[in-house]
Amino acid sequence: MADKEVTQIEMMKIIGLFRKEGFTGEYDSFQRVSGTDREFFVVMSNEQGIKALFRASLMLNAVELQHVLDDKHTFVTKDADAS
């Protein structure tokens, strides 16, 4: 499940959750939480370029801030895993 790509429909539902909660900014990446097909990690940046990692649950209709990302924290993608 976790290796399955996030679909456009899922992305739109996730963005809807963020908007409902009043979040604004740019969505940098979406990744499925391991072991589930209804929860996602989302990296989002604000107008000042500060990035944060969120956990979005379509099952609970909730968004939780996990932590703010800095130069020492990165969001791992498949391409980075391959190298």
C-alpha atoms as a PDB file:
ATOM      1  CA  MET A   1       0.000   0.000   0.000  1.00  0.00           C
ATOM      2  CA  ALA A   2       2.686   2.486   1.003  1.00  0.00           C
ATOM      3  CA  ASP A   3       4.508   2.147  -2.322  1.00  0.00           C
ATOM      4  CA  LYS A   4       1.340   2.964  -4.308  1.00  0.00           C
ATOM      5  CA  GLU A   5       1.358   6.458  -5.794  1.00  0.00           C
ATOM      6  CA  VAL A   6      -0.980   9.071  -4.327  1.00  0.00           C
ATOM      7  CA  THR A   7      -3.746   9.634  -6.879  1.00  0.00           C
ATOM      8  CA  GLN A   8      -5.002  12.996  -8.112  1.00  0.00           C
ATOM      9  CA  ILE A   9      -8.357  12.365  -6.410  1.00  0.00           C
ATOM     10  CA  GLU A  10      -6.606  11.651  -3.092  1.00  0.00           C
ATOM     11  CA  MET A  11      -4.509  14.815  -3.485  1.00  0.00           C
ATOM     12  CA  MET A  12      -7.643  16.903  -4.053  1.00  0.00           C
ATOM     13  CA  LYS A  13      -9.289  15.405  -0.942  1.00  0.00           C
ATOM     14  CA  ILE A  14      -6.132  16.107   1.106  1.00  0.00           C
ATOM     15  CA  ILE A  15      -5.940  19.697  -0.169  1.00  0.00           C
ATOM     16  CA  GLY A  16      -9.621  20.071   0.763  1.00  0.00           C
ATOM     17  CA  LEU A  17      -8.787  19.007   4.332  1.00  0.00           C
ATOM     18  CA  PHE A  18      -5.996  21.589   4.535  1.00  0.00           C
ATOM     19  CA  ARG A  19      -8.237  24.356   3.202  1.00  0.00           C
ATOM     20  CA  LYS A  20     -11.034  23.384   5.612  1.00  0.00           C
ATOM     21  CA  GLU A  21      -8.528  23.793   8.466  1.00  0.00           C
ATOM     22  CA  GLY A  22      -7.419  27.197   7.109  1.00  0.00           C
ATOM     23  CA  PHE A  23      -3.956  26.208   5.876  1.00  0.00           C
ATOM     24  CA  THR A  24      -2.497  28.089   2.930  1.00  0.00           C
ATOM     25  CA  GLY A  25       0.742  27.584   1.044  1.00  0.00           C
ATOM     26  CA  GLU A  26       2.367  25.383  -1.551  1.00  0.00           C
ATOM     27  CA  TYR A  27       2.083  21.588  -1.459  1.00  0.00           C
ATOM     28  CA  ASP A  28       5.568  20.203  -2.071  1.00  0.00           C
ATOM     29  CA  SER A  29       4.964  16.464  -1.828  1.00  0.00           C
ATOM     30  CA  PHE A  30       2.493  13.771  -0.883  1.00  0.00           C
ATOM     31  CA  GLN A  31       3.399  10.306   0.366  1.00  0.00           C
ATOM     32  CA  ARG A  32       1.305   7.457   1.708  1.00  0.00           C
ATOM     33  CA  VAL A  33       1.833   6.489   5.373  1.00  0.00           C
ATOM     34  CA  SER A  34       3.197   2.953   5.514  1.00  0.00           C
ATOM     35  CA  GLY A  35       0.556   0.317   6.259  1.00  0.00           C
ATOM     36  CA  THR A  36      -2.486   2.415   5.364  1.00  0.00           C
ATOM     37  CA  ASP A  37      -4.192   3.719   2.269  1.00  0.00           C
ATOM     38  CA  ARG A  38      -6.142   6.539   3.974  1.00  0.00           C
ATOM     39  CA  GLU A  39      -3.307   8.481   5.688  1.00  0.00           C
ATOM     40  CA  PHE A  40      -0.622  10.578   4.058  1.00  0.00           C
ATOM     41  CA  PHE A  41       2.454  12.635   4.840  1.00  0.00           C
ATOM     42  CA  VAL A  42       2.383  16.043   3.192  1.00  0.00           C
ATOM     43  CA  VAL A  43       5.216  18.562   2.979  1.00  0.00           C
ATOM     44  CA  MET A  44       3.923  22.088   2.669  1.00  0.00           C
ATOM     45  CA  SER A  45       5.691  25.460   2.534  1.00  0.00           C
ATOM     46  CA  ASN A  46       4.352  28.879   3.457  1.00  0.00           C
ATOM     47  CA  GLU A  47       4.947  32.299   1.886  1.00  0.00           C
ATOM     48  CA  GLN A  48       8.255  32.691   3.763  1.00  0.00           C
ATOM     49  CA  GLY A  49       9.551  29.360   2.388  1.00  0.00           C
ATOM     50  CA  ILE A  50       9.309  27.549   5.722  1.00  0.00           C
ATOM     51  CA  LYS A  51       8.480  23.889   5.163  1.00  0.00           C
ATOM     52  CA  ALA A  52       6.553  21.645   7.512  1.00  0.00           C
ATOM     53  CA  LEU A  53       5.611  17.981   7.566  1.00  0.00           C
ATOM     54  CA  PHE A  54       1.943  17.178   8.164  1.00  0.00           C
ATOM     55  CA  ARG A  55       0.028  13.955   8.581  1.00  0.00           C
ATOM     56  CA  ALA A  56      -3.341  14.037   6.822  1.00  0.00           C
ATOM     57  CA  SER A  57      -6.001  11.410   7.494  1.00  0.00           C
ATOM     58  CA  LEU A  58      -8.868  10.959   5.059  1.00  0.00           C
ATOM     59  CA  MET A  59     -10.329   8.431   7.488  1.00  0.00           C
ATOM     60  CA  LEU A  60     -10.486  10.930  10.377  1.00  0.00           C
ATOM     61  CA  ASN A  61     -10.801  14.073   8.204  1.00  0.00           C
ATOM     62  CA  ALA A  62      -7.917  15.582  10.174  1.00  0.00           C
ATOM     63  CA  VAL A  63      -4.577  17.286   9.580  1.00  0.00           C
ATOM     64  CA  GLU A  64      -1.768  17.197  12.184  1.00  0.00           C
ATOM     65  CA  LEU A  65       1.488  19.136  12.152  1.00  0.00           C
ATOM     66  CA  GLN A  66       4.341  16.676  12.684  1.00  0.00           C
ATOM     67  CA  HIS A  67       7.294  19.099  12.680  1.00  0.00           C
ATOM     68  CA  VAL A  68       8.895  22.019  10.877  1.00  0.00           C
ATOM     69  CA  LEU A  69      11.576  20.989   8.390  1.00  0.00           C
ATOM     70  CA  ASP A  70      14.945  22.682   8.261  1.00  0.00           C
ATOM     71  CA  ASP A  71      18.188  22.010   6.362  1.00  0.00           C
ATOM     72  CA  LYS A  72      18.826  18.875   8.454  1.00  0.00           C
ATOM     73  CA  HIS A  73      15.377  17.355   7.782  1.00  0.00           C
ATOM     74  CA  THR A  74      14.401  16.136   4.353  1.00  0.00           C
ATOM     75  CA  PHE A  75      11.462  14.261   2.927  1.00  0.00           C
ATOM     76  CA  VAL A  76      12.716  11.017   1.373  1.00  0.00           C
ATOM     77  CA  THR A  77      11.435  10.162  -2.077  1.00  0.00           C
ATOM     78  CA  LYS A  78      11.766   6.970  -4.109  1.00  0.00           C
ATOM     79  CA  ASP A  79      14.446   8.572  -6.297  1.00  0.00           C
ATOM     80  CA  ALA A  80      16.605   9.307  -3.250  1.00  0.00           C
ATOM     81  CA  ASP A  81      16.195   5.718  -2.046  1.00  0.00           C
ATOM     82  CA  ALA A  82      17.445   4.355  -5.356  1.00  0.00           C
ATOM     83  CA  SER A  83      20.820   6.120  -5.198  1.00  0.00           C
END
